Amino acid sequence: MLRPKIPTNPTPAGHHTPPVVVEPTAVVPSAQVPPPAPVAPAPSRLTAQLTPGTALALVGGGTAVVLVVGAVLVSMLLAVAITGASVAVCVLVIRFLVYADAKRR
């Protein structure tokens, strides 16, 4: 029941048409055309010049991005930690109030 059924591919038993025989034709040479003039290949893409100033700018930009992303992630982690601590304090206060109220009765 849970086994997949693999379809079988029976051998074709329909009508077969015989293959068409292609007879070769004679090639007749035409008037000679001069070959086209060679064209200089265009560069496929632009090359980037990496000077020391550009390398320094790339390193500075990458460092700035890493610092900004790190600051954002640390601030999000701190926000989650502060939220968790405040929820834990609220739970303790509410539990104490409920327990104190039940003890008085």
PDB file of N, CA and C in Angstrom:
ATOM      1  N   MET A   1       0.825  -1.197   0.000  1.00  0.00           N
ATOM      2  CA  MET A   1       0.000   0.000   0.000  1.00  0.00           C
ATOM      3  C   MET A   1       0.868   1.260   0.000  1.00  0.00           C
ATOM      4  N   LEU A   2       1.942   1.231   0.781  1.00  0.00           N
ATOM      5  CA  LEU A   2       2.787   2.412   0.862  1.00  0.00           C
ATOM      6  C   LEU A   2       3.971   2.364  -0.093  1.00  0.00           C
ATOM      7  N   ARG A   3       4.050   1.328  -0.888  1.00  0.00           N
ATOM      8  CA  ARG A   3       5.151   1.239  -1.842  1.00  0.00           C
ATOM      9  C   ARG A   3       4.806   2.017  -3.105  1.00  0.00           C
ATOM     10  N   PRO A   4       5.752   2.791  -3.618  1.00  0.00           N
ATOM     11  CA  PRO A   4       5.466   3.525  -4.860  1.00  0.00           C
ATOM     12  C   PRO A   4       5.382   2.581  -6.038  1.00  0.00           C
ATOM     13  N   LYS A   5       4.503   2.898  -6.932  1.00  0.00           N
ATOM     14  CA  LYS A   5       4.352   2.067  -8.133  1.00  0.00           C
ATOM     15  C   LYS A   5       5.141   2.728  -9.264  1.00  0.00           C
ATOM     16  N   ILE A   6       6.097   1.985  -9.778  1.00  0.00           N
ATOM     17  CA  ILE A   6       6.929   2.504 -10.852  1.00  0.00           C
ATOM     18  C   ILE A   6       6.278   2.081 -12.163  1.00  0.00           C
ATOM     19  N   PRO A   7       5.961   3.053 -13.006  1.00  0.00           N
ATOM     20  CA  PRO A   7       5.316   2.679 -14.273  1.00  0.00           C
ATOM     21  C   PRO A   7       6.297   1.933 -15.167  1.00  0.00           C
ATOM     22  N   THR A   8       5.779   0.987 -15.881  1.00  0.00           N
ATOM     23  CA  THR A   8       6.621   0.226 -16.800  1.00  0.00           C
ATOM     24  C   THR A   8       6.530   0.864 -18.173  1.00  0.00           C
ATOM     25  N   ASN A   9       7.591   0.739 -18.916  1.00  0.00           N
ATOM     26  CA  ASN A   9       7.632   1.294 -20.260  1.00  0.00           C
ATOM     27  C   ASN A   9       7.610   0.126 -21.243  1.00  0.00           C
ATOM     28  N   PRO A  10       6.423  -0.261 -21.731  1.00  0.00           N
ATOM     29  CA  PRO A  10       6.386  -1.397 -22.661  1.00  0.00           C
ATOM     30  C   PRO A  10       7.033  -1.014 -23.987  1.00  0.00           C
ATOM     31  N   THR A  11       7.459  -2.021 -24.681  1.00  0.00           N
ATOM     32  CA  THR A  11       8.055  -1.757 -25.987  1.00  0.00           C
ATOM     33  C   THR A  11       6.963  -1.264 -26.931  1.00  0.00           C
ATOM     34  N   PRO A  12       7.279  -0.294 -27.742  1.00  0.00           N
ATOM     35  CA  PRO A  12       6.248   0.227 -28.642  1.00  0.00           C
ATOM     36  C   PRO A  12       5.786  -0.843 -29.632  1.00  0.00           C
ATOM     37  N   ALA A  13       4.483  -0.944 -29.796  1.00  0.00           N
ATOM     38  CA  ALA A  13       3.937  -1.958 -30.701  1.00  0.00           C
ATOM     39  C   ALA A  13       3.038  -1.317 -31.757  1.00  0.00           C
ATOM     40  N   GLY A  14       3.192  -0.037 -31.987  1.00  0.00           N
ATOM     41  CA  GLY A  14       2.330   0.650 -32.954  1.00  0.00           C
ATOM     42  C   GLY A  14       2.881   0.527 -34.365  1.00  0.00           C
ATOM     43  N   HIS A  15       2.370   1.355 -35.252  1.00  0.00           N
ATOM     44  CA  HIS A  15       2.812   1.360 -36.641  1.00  0.00           C
ATOM     45  C   HIS A  15       4.160   2.051 -36.728  1.00  0.00           C
ATOM     46  N   HIS A  16       5.033   1.438 -37.486  1.00  0.00           N
ATOM     47  CA  HIS A  16       6.354   2.023 -37.672  1.00  0.00           C
ATOM     48  C   HIS A  16       6.460   2.499 -39.105  1.00  0.00           C
ATOM     49  N   THR A  17       6.979   3.700 -39.268  1.00  0.00           N
ATOM     50  CA  THR A  17       7.238   4.191 -40.616  1.00  0.00           C
ATOM     51  C   THR A  17       8.708   3.947 -40.903  1.00  0.00           C
ATOM     52  N   PRO A  18       9.028   3.494 -42.086  1.00  0.00           N
ATOM     53  CA  PRO A  18      10.442   3.244 -42.400  1.00  0.00           C
ATOM     54  C   PRO A  18      11.192   4.575 -42.436  1.00  0.00           C
ATOM     55  N   PRO A  19      12.442   4.549 -42.092  1.00  0.00           N
ATOM     56  CA  PRO A  19      13.213   5.800 -42.106  1.00  0.00           C
ATOM     57  C   PRO A  19      13.354   6.328 -43.532  1.00  0.00           C
ATOM     58  N   VAL A  20      13.326   7.628 -43.644  1.00  0.00           N
ATOM     59  CA  VAL A  20      13.443   8.284 -44.943  1.00  0.00           C
ATOM     60  C   VAL A  20      14.916   8.295 -45.340  1.00  0.00           C
ATOM     61  N   VAL A  21      15.190   7.912 -46.561  1.00  0.00           N
ATOM     62  CA  VAL A  21      16.565   7.900 -47.054  1.00  0.00           C
ATOM     63  C   VAL A  21      16.825   9.240 -47.719  1.00  0.00           C
ATOM     64  N   VAL A  22      17.856   9.908 -47.260  1.00  0.00           N
ATOM     65  CA  VAL A  22      18.220  11.210 -47.830  1.00  0.00           C
ATOM     66  C   VAL A  22      19.376  10.974 -48.794  1.00  0.00           C
ATOM     67  N   GLU A  23      19.141  11.372 -50.035  1.00  0.00           N
ATOM     68  CA  GLU A  23      20.178  11.190 -51.043  1.00  0.00           C
ATOM     69  C   GLU A  23      21.048  12.437 -51.091  1.00  0.00           C
ATOM     70  N   PRO A  24      22.343  12.243 -51.176  1.00  0.00           N
ATOM     71  CA  PRO A  24      23.233  13.415 -51.223  1.00  0.00           C
ATOM     72  C   PRO A  24      23.079  14.159 -52.545  1.00  0.00           C
ATOM     73  N   THR A  25      23.233  15.461 -52.471  1.00  0.00           N
ATOM     74  CA  THR A  25      23.154  16.284 -53.678  1.00  0.00           C
ATOM     75  C   THR A  25      24.543  16.812 -53.993  1.00  0.00           C
ATOM     76  N   ALA A  26      24.731  17.188 -55.223  1.00  0.00           N
ATOM     77  CA  ALA A  26      26.026  17.713 -55.650  1.00  0.00           C
ATOM     78  C   ALA A  26      26.143  19.165 -55.214  1.00  0.00           C
ATOM     79  N   VAL A  27      27.344  19.531 -54.764  1.00  0.00           N
ATOM     80  CA  VAL A  27      27.605  20.910 -54.340  1.00  0.00           C
ATOM     81  C   VAL A  27      28.203  21.645 -55.526  1.00  0.00           C
ATOM     82  N   VAL A  28      27.548  22.768 -55.893  1.00  0.00           N
ATOM     83  CA  VAL A  28      28.021  23.554 -57.024  1.00  0.00           C
ATOM     84  C   VAL A  28      28.698  24.793 -56.467  1.00  0.00           C
ATOM     85  N   PRO A  29      29.971  25.001 -56.781  1.00  0.00           N
ATOM     86  CA  PRO A  29      30.654  26.196 -56.252  1.00  0.00           C
ATOM     87  C   PRO A  29      30.091  27.448 -56.917  1.00  0.00           C
ATOM     88  N   SER A  30      29.943  28.488 -56.120  1.00  0.00           N
ATOM     89  CA  SER A  30      29.436  29.755 -56.649  1.00  0.00           C
ATOM     90  C   SER A  30      30.590  30.733 -56.780  1.00  0.00           C
ATOM     91  N   ALA A  31      30.267  31.994 -57.058  1.00  0.00           N
ATOM     92  CA  ALA A  31      31.305  33.010 -57.243  1.00  0.00           C
ATOM     93  C   ALA A  31      32.046  33.203 -55.932  1.00  0.00           C
ATOM     94  N   GLN A  32      33.341  33.399 -56.010  1.00  0.00           N
ATOM     95  CA  GLN A  32      34.154  33.553 -54.810  1.00  0.00           C
ATOM     96  C   GLN A  32      33.901  34.918 -54.184  1.00  0.00           C
ATOM     97  N   VAL A  33      33.656  34.893 -52.877  1.00  0.00           N
ATOM     98  CA  VAL A  33      33.442  36.131 -52.127  1.00  0.00           C
ATOM     99  C   VAL A  33      34.653  36.322 -51.227  1.00  0.00           C
ATOM    100  N   PRO A  34      35.230  37.534 -51.210  1.00  0.00           N
ATOM    101  CA  PRO A  34      36.414  37.737 -50.367  1.00  0.00           C
ATOM    102  C   PRO A  34      36.017  37.622 -48.885  1.00  0.00           C
ATOM    103  N   PRO A  35      36.897  37.064 -48.076  1.00  0.00           N
ATOM    104  CA  PRO A  35      36.574  36.928 -46.649  1.00  0.00           C
ATOM    105  C   PRO A  35      36.447  38.301 -45.997  1.00  0.00           C
ATOM    106  N   PRO A  36      35.616  38.424 -44.978  1.00  0.00           N
ATOM    107  CA  PRO A  36      35.454  39.730 -44.326  1.00  0.00           C
ATOM    108  C   PRO A  36      36.735  40.132 -43.603  1.00  0.00           C
ATOM    109  N   ALA A  37      36.906  41.439 -43.465  1.00  0.00           N
ATOM    110  CA  ALA A  37      38.101  41.963 -42.807  1.00  0.00           C
ATOM    111  C   ALA A  37      38.047  41.599 -41.324  1.00  0.00           C
ATOM    112  N   PRO A  38      39.170  41.233 -40.732  1.00  0.00           N
ATOM    113  CA  PRO A  38      39.158  40.885 -39.302  1.00  0.00           C
ATOM    114  C   PRO A  38      38.824  42.113 -38.445  1.00  0.00           C
ATOM    115  N   VAL A  39      37.990  41.871 -37.463  1.00  0.00           N
ATOM    116  CA  VAL A  39      37.574  42.955 -36.566  1.00  0.00           C
ATOM    117  C   VAL A  39      38.224  42.706 -35.216  1.00  0.00           C
ATOM    118  N   ALA A  40      38.756  43.775 -34.628  1.00  0.00           N
ATOM    119  CA  ALA A  40      39.394  43.630 -33.320  1.00  0.00           C
ATOM    120  C   ALA A  40      38.332  43.274 -32.288  1.00  0.00           C
ATOM    121  N   PRO A  41      38.562  42.263 -31.468  1.00  0.00           N
ATOM    122  CA  PRO A  41      37.553  41.877 -30.471  1.00  0.00           C
ATOM    123  C   PRO A  41      37.413  42.951 -29.388  1.00  0.00           C
ATOM    124  N   ALA A  42      36.171  43.258 -29.073  1.00  0.00           N
ATOM    125  CA  ALA A  42      35.905  44.247 -28.035  1.00  0.00           C
ATOM    126  C   ALA A  42      36.084  43.583 -26.675  1.00  0.00           C
ATOM    127  N   PRO A  43      36.545  44.334 -25.679  1.00  0.00           N
ATOM    128  CA  PRO A  43      36.702  43.731 -24.353  1.00  0.00           C
ATOM    129  C   PRO A  43      35.339  43.306 -23.809  1.00  0.00           C
ATOM    130  N   SER A  44      35.296  42.100 -23.243  1.00  0.00           N
ATOM    131  CA  SER A  44      34.012  41.562 -22.792  1.00  0.00           C
ATOM    132  C   SER A  44      33.492  42.296 -21.570  1.00  0.00           C
ATOM    133  N   ARG A  45      34.387  42.803 -20.697  1.00  0.00           N
ATOM    134  CA  ARG A  45      33.938  43.568 -19.540  1.00  0.00           C
ATOM    135  C   ARG A  45      35.001  44.581 -19.180  1.00  0.00           C
ATOM    136  N   LEU A  46      34.594  45.559 -18.412  1.00  0.00           N
ATOM    137  CA  LEU A  46      35.530  46.605 -18.031  1.00  0.00           C
ATOM    138  C   LEU A  46      36.449  46.093 -16.929  1.00  0.00           C
ATOM    139  N   THR A  47      37.677  46.541 -16.959  1.00  0.00           N
ATOM    140  CA  THR A  47      38.613  46.150 -15.915  1.00  0.00           C
ATOM    141  C   THR A  47      38.637  47.236 -14.854  1.00  0.00           C
ATOM    142  N   ALA A  48      38.659  46.841 -13.593  1.00  0.00           N
ATOM    143  CA  ALA A  48      38.673  47.793 -12.497  1.00  0.00           C
ATOM    144  C   ALA A  48      40.109  48.002 -12.044  1.00  0.00           C
ATOM    145  N   GLN A  49      40.479  49.246 -11.930  1.00  0.00           N
ATOM    146  CA  GLN A  49      41.811  49.582 -11.449  1.00  0.00           C
ATOM    147  C   GLN A  49      41.759  49.700  -9.936  1.00  0.00           C
ATOM    148  N   LEU A  50      42.551  48.910  -9.232  1.00  0.00           N
ATOM    149  CA  LEU A  50      42.566  48.920  -7.776  1.00  0.00           C
ATOM    150  C   LEU A  50      43.835  49.620  -7.320  1.00  0.00           C
ATOM    151  N   THR A  51      43.689  50.896  -6.981  1.00  0.00           N
ATOM    152  CA  THR A  51      44.819  51.679  -6.506  1.00  0.00           C
ATOM    153  C   THR A  51      44.883  51.574  -4.990  1.00  0.00           C
ATOM    154  N   PRO A  52      45.978  51.959  -4.376  1.00  0.00           N
ATOM    155  CA  PRO A  52      46.057  51.910  -2.906  1.00  0.00           C
ATOM    156  C   PRO A  52      44.976  52.748  -2.228  1.00  0.00           C
ATOM    157  N   GLY A  53      44.610  53.862  -2.823  1.00  0.00           N
ATOM    158  CA  GLY A  53      43.547  54.691  -2.246  1.00  0.00           C
ATOM    159  C   GLY A  53      42.195  53.992  -2.282  1.00  0.00           C
ATOM    160  N   THR A  54      41.908  53.312  -3.395  1.00  0.00           N
ATOM    161  CA  THR A  54      40.625  52.592  -3.490  1.00  0.00           C
ATOM    162  C   THR A  54      40.611  51.410  -2.537  1.00  0.00           C
ATOM    163  N   ALA A  55      41.730  50.712  -2.408  1.00  0.00           N
ATOM    164  CA  ALA A  55      41.795  49.586  -1.472  1.00  0.00           C
ATOM    165  C   ALA A  55      41.569  50.072  -0.048  1.00  0.00           C
ATOM    166  N   LEU A  56      42.161  51.194   0.300  1.00  0.00           N
ATOM    167  CA  LEU A  56      41.979  51.753   1.645  1.00  0.00           C
ATOM    168  C   LEU A  56      40.529  52.168   1.867  1.00  0.00           C
ATOM    169  N   ALA A  57      39.898  52.729   0.848  1.00  0.00           N
ATOM    170  CA  ALA A  57      38.483  53.114   0.969  1.00  0.00           C
ATOM    171  C   ALA A  57      37.600  51.879   1.130  1.00  0.00           C
ATOM    172  N   LEU A  58      37.900  50.804   0.391  1.00  0.00           N
ATOM    173  CA  LEU A  58      37.125  49.572   0.527  1.00  0.00           C
ATOM    174  C   LEU A  58      37.283  48.963   1.911  1.00  0.00           C
ATOM    175  N   VAL A  59      38.498  48.944   2.425  1.00  0.00           N
ATOM    176  CA  VAL A  59      38.737  48.395   3.764  1.00  0.00           C
ATOM    177  C   VAL A  59      38.029  49.248   4.807  1.00  0.00           C
ATOM    178  N   GLY A  60      38.105  50.572   4.671  1.00  0.00           N
ATOM    179  CA  GLY A  60      37.423  51.467   5.620  1.00  0.00           C
ATOM    180  C   GLY A  60      35.912  51.304   5.569  1.00  0.00           C
ATOM    181  N   GLY A  61      35.367  51.175   4.366  1.00  0.00           N
ATOM    182  CA  GLY A  61      33.917  50.982   4.225  1.00  0.00           C
ATOM    183  C   GLY A  61      33.470  49.658   4.805  1.00  0.00           C
ATOM    184  N   GLY A  62      34.242  48.598   4.558  1.00  0.00           N
ATOM    185  CA  GLY A  62      33.910  47.288   5.107  1.00  0.00           C
ATOM    186  C   GLY A  62      33.973  47.293   6.623  1.00  0.00           C
ATOM    187  N   THR A  63      34.971  47.962   7.178  1.00  0.00           N
ATOM    188  CA  THR A  63      35.082  48.057   8.637  1.00  0.00           C
ATOM    189  C   THR A  63      33.897  48.801   9.220  1.00  0.00           C
ATOM    190  N   ALA A  64      33.487  49.881   8.572  1.00  0.00           N
ATOM    191  CA  ALA A  64      32.338  50.659   9.061  1.00  0.00           C
ATOM    192  C   ALA A  64      31.069  49.818   9.030  1.00  0.00           C
ATOM    193  N   VAL A  65      30.878  49.049   7.975  1.00  0.00           N
ATOM    194  CA  VAL A  65      29.681  48.203   7.872  1.00  0.00           C
ATOM    195  C   VAL A  65      29.678  47.151   8.974  1.00  0.00           C
ATOM    196  N   VAL A  66      30.831  46.517   9.225  1.00  0.00           N
ATOM    197  CA  VAL A  66      30.916  45.498  10.271  1.00  0.00           C
ATOM    198  C   VAL A  66      30.631  46.109  11.635  1.00  0.00           C
ATOM    199  N   LEU A  67      31.153  47.302  11.895  1.00  0.00           N
ATOM    200  CA  LEU A  67      30.914  47.951  13.192  1.00  0.00           C
ATOM    201  C   LEU A  67      29.454  48.336  13.370  1.00  0.00           C
ATOM    202  N   VAL A  68      28.828  48.843  12.332  1.00  0.00           N
ATOM    203  CA  VAL A  68      27.413  49.239  12.433  1.00  0.00           C
ATOM    204  C   VAL A  68      26.528  48.019  12.636  1.00  0.00           C
ATOM    205  N   VAL A  69      26.762  46.964  11.857  1.00  0.00           N
ATOM    206  CA  VAL A  69      25.953  45.748  12.003  1.00  0.00           C
ATOM    207  C   VAL A  69      26.166  45.127  13.377  1.00  0.00           C
ATOM    208  N   GLY A  70      27.402  45.127  13.867  1.00  0.00           N
ATOM    209  CA  GLY A  70      27.688  44.608  15.199  1.00  0.00           C
ATOM    210  C   GLY A  70      26.981  45.404  16.283  1.00  0.00           C
ATOM    211  N   ALA A  71      26.979  46.742  16.156  1.00  0.00           N
ATOM    212  CA  ALA A  71      26.298  47.573  17.154  1.00  0.00           C
ATOM    213  C   ALA A  71      24.798  47.318  17.150  1.00  0.00           C
ATOM    214  N   VAL A  72      24.221  47.150  15.977  1.00  0.00           N
ATOM    215  CA  VAL A  72      22.781  46.884  15.894  1.00  0.00           C
ATOM    216  C   VAL A  72      22.448  45.532  16.521  1.00  0.00           C
ATOM    217  N   LEU A  73      23.247  44.513  16.244  1.00  0.00           N
ATOM    218  CA  LEU A  73      22.978  43.187  16.801  1.00  0.00           C
ATOM    219  C   LEU A  73      23.148  43.171  18.318  1.00  0.00           C
ATOM    220  N   VAL A  74      24.171  43.854  18.828  1.00  0.00           N
ATOM    221  CA  VAL A  74      24.379  43.908  20.276  1.00  0.00           C
ATOM    222  C   VAL A  74      23.239  44.659  20.943  1.00  0.00           C
ATOM    223  N   SER A  75      22.768  45.734  20.341  1.00  0.00           N
ATOM    224  CA  SER A  75      21.660  46.483  20.944  1.00  0.00           C
ATOM    225  C   SER A  75      20.371  45.662  20.938  1.00  0.00           C
ATOM    226  N   MET A  76      20.146  44.882  19.889  1.00  0.00           N
ATOM    227  CA  MET A  76      18.958  44.011  19.874  1.00  0.00           C
ATOM    228  C   MET A  76      19.059  42.936  20.946  1.00  0.00           C
ATOM    229  N   LEU A  77      20.240  42.352  21.136  1.00  0.00           N
ATOM    230  CA  LEU A  77      20.436  41.350  22.179  1.00  0.00           C
ATOM    231  C   LEU A  77      20.226  41.956  23.561  1.00  0.00           C
ATOM    232  N   LEU A  78      20.705  43.159  23.764  1.00  0.00           N
ATOM    233  CA  LEU A  78      20.520  43.842  25.044  1.00  0.00           C
ATOM    234  C   LEU A  78      19.047  44.138  25.289  1.00  0.00           C
ATOM    235  N   ALA A  79      18.326  44.534  24.249  1.00  0.00           N
ATOM    236  CA  ALA A  79      16.890  44.805  24.405  1.00  0.00           C
ATOM    237  C   ALA A  79      16.141  43.529  24.783  1.00  0.00           C
ATOM    238  N   VAL A  80      16.492  42.408  24.187  1.00  0.00           N
ATOM    239  CA  VAL A  80      15.839  41.142  24.531  1.00  0.00           C
ATOM    240  C   VAL A  80      16.160  40.748  25.968  1.00  0.00           C
ATOM    241  N   ALA A  81      17.402  40.942  26.389  1.00  0.00           N
ATOM    242  CA  ALA A  81      17.795  40.586  27.753  1.00  0.00           C
ATOM    243  C   ALA A  81      17.071  41.457  28.776  1.00  0.00           C
ATOM    244  N   ILE A  82      16.967  42.748  28.516  1.00  0.00           N
ATOM    245  CA  ILE A  82      16.268  43.652  29.446  1.00  0.00           C
ATOM    246  C   ILE A  82      14.791  43.304  29.495  1.00  0.00           C
ATOM    247  N   THR A  83      14.186  42.999  28.349  1.00  0.00           N
ATOM    248  CA  THR A  83      12.768  42.617  28.324  1.00  0.00           C
ATOM    249  C   THR A  83      12.535  41.329  29.109  1.00  0.00           C
ATOM    250  N   GLY A  84      13.397  40.349  28.954  1.00  0.00           N
ATOM    251  CA  GLY A  84      13.265  39.097  29.693  1.00  0.00           C
ATOM    252  C   GLY A  84      13.406  39.302  31.184  1.00  0.00           C
ATOM    253  N   ALA A  85      14.353  40.127  31.595  1.00  0.00           N
ATOM    254  CA  ALA A  85      14.543  40.382  33.026  1.00  0.00           C
ATOM    255  C   ALA A  85      13.334  41.106  33.616  1.00  0.00           C
ATOM    256  N   SER A  86      12.789  42.078  32.897  1.00  0.00           N
ATOM    257  CA  SER A  86      11.635  42.812  33.424  1.00  0.00           C
ATOM    258  C   SER A  86      10.396  41.912  33.493  1.00  0.00           C
ATOM    259  N   VAL A  87      10.222  41.018  32.535  1.00  0.00           N
ATOM    260  CA  VAL A  87       9.095  40.085  32.591  1.00  0.00           C
ATOM    261  C   VAL A  87       9.261  39.133  33.772  1.00  0.00           C
ATOM    262  N   ALA A  88      10.493  38.698  34.043  1.00  0.00           N
ATOM    263  CA  ALA A  88      10.740  37.806  35.182  1.00  0.00           C
ATOM    264  C   ALA A  88      10.430  38.515  36.500  1.00  0.00           C
ATOM    265  N   VAL A  89      10.808  39.779  36.636  1.00  0.00           N
ATOM    266  CA  VAL A  89      10.506  40.545  37.852  1.00  0.00           C
ATOM    267  C   VAL A  89       8.997  40.712  37.999  1.00  0.00           C
ATOM    268  N   CYS A  90       8.296  41.001  36.909  1.00  0.00           N
ATOM    269  CA  CYS A  90       6.832  41.148  36.972  1.00  0.00           C
ATOM    270  C   CYS A  90       6.177  39.839  37.412  1.00  0.00           C
ATOM    271  N   VAL A  91       6.664  38.708  36.915  1.00  0.00           N
ATOM    272  CA  VAL A  91       6.101  37.414  37.304  1.00  0.00           C
ATOM    273  C   VAL A  91       6.313  37.170  38.793  1.00  0.00           C
ATOM    274  N   LEU A  92       7.508  37.490  39.296  1.00  0.00           N
ATOM    275  CA  LEU A  92       7.772  37.295  40.725  1.00  0.00           C
ATOM    276  C   LEU A  92       6.879  38.171  41.594  1.00  0.00           C
ATOM    277  N   VAL A  93       6.678  39.425  41.198  1.00  0.00           N
ATOM    278  CA  VAL A  93       5.835  40.337  41.991  1.00  0.00           C
ATOM    279  C   VAL A  93       4.394  39.851  41.974  1.00  0.00           C
ATOM    280  N   ILE A  94       3.888  39.472  40.809  1.00  0.00           N
ATOM    281  CA  ILE A  94       2.492  39.010  40.727  1.00  0.00           C
ATOM    282  C   ILE A  94       2.325  37.724  41.527  1.00  0.00           C
ATOM    283  N   ARG A  95       3.302  36.803  41.462  1.00  0.00           N
ATOM    284  CA  ARG A  95       3.207  35.567  42.224  1.00  0.00           C
ATOM    285  C   ARG A  95       3.232  35.835  43.728  1.00  0.00           C
ATOM    286  N   PHE A  96       4.061  36.777  44.149  1.00  0.00           N
ATOM    287  CA  PHE A  96       4.107  37.133  45.571  1.00  0.00           C
ATOM    288  C   PHE A  96       2.781  37.723  46.023  1.00  0.00           C
ATOM    289  N   LEU A  97       2.194  38.617  45.176  1.00  0.00           N
ATOM    290  CA  LEU A  97       0.913  39.236  45.551  1.00  0.00           C
ATOM    291  C   LEU A  97      -0.196  38.193  45.634  1.00  0.00           C
ATOM    292  N   VAL A  98      -0.239  37.268  44.696  1.00  0.00           N
ATOM    293  CA  VAL A  98      -1.271  36.238  44.720  1.00  0.00           C
ATOM    294  C   VAL A  98      -1.077  35.329  45.926  1.00  0.00           C
ATOM    295  N   TYR A  99       0.159  34.955  46.236  1.00  0.00           N
ATOM    296  CA  TYR A  99       0.431  34.082  47.374  1.00  0.00           C
ATOM    297  C   TYR A  99       0.106  34.788  48.673  1.00  0.00           C
ATOM    298  N   ALA A 100       0.434  36.077  48.793  1.00  0.00           N
ATOM    299  CA  ALA A 100       0.132  36.819  50.019  1.00  0.00           C
ATOM    300  C   ALA A 100      -1.371  36.972  50.203  1.00  0.00           C
ATOM    301  N   ASP A 101      -2.112  37.188  49.102  1.00  0.00           N
ATOM    302  CA  ASP A 101      -3.565  37.322  49.197  1.00  0.00           C
ATOM    303  C   ASP A 101      -4.215  36.001  49.607  1.00  0.00           C
ATOM    304  N   ALA A 102      -3.697  34.895  49.085  1.00  0.00           N
ATOM    305  CA  ALA A 102      -4.257  33.579  49.420  1.00  0.00           C
ATOM    306  C   ALA A 102      -3.909  33.215  50.867  1.00  0.00           C
ATOM    307  N   LYS A 103      -2.792  33.685  51.386  1.00  0.00           N
ATOM    308  CA  LYS A 103      -2.367  33.370  52.749  1.00  0.00           C
ATOM    309  C   LYS A 103      -3.241  34.108  53.771  1.00  0.00           C
ATOM    310  N   ARG A 104      -3.705  35.340  53.414  1.00  0.00           N
ATOM    311  CA  ARG A 104      -4.531  36.119  54.321  1.00  0.00           C
ATOM    312  C   ARG A 104      -5.908  35.523  54.492  1.00  0.00           C
ATOM    313  N   ARG A 105      -6.411  34.831  53.554  1.00  0.00           N
ATOM    314  CA  ARG A 105      -7.800  34.307  53.627  1.00  0.00           C
ATOM    315  C   ARG A 105      -7.846  33.126  54.452  1.00  0.00           C
TER     316      ARG A 105
END
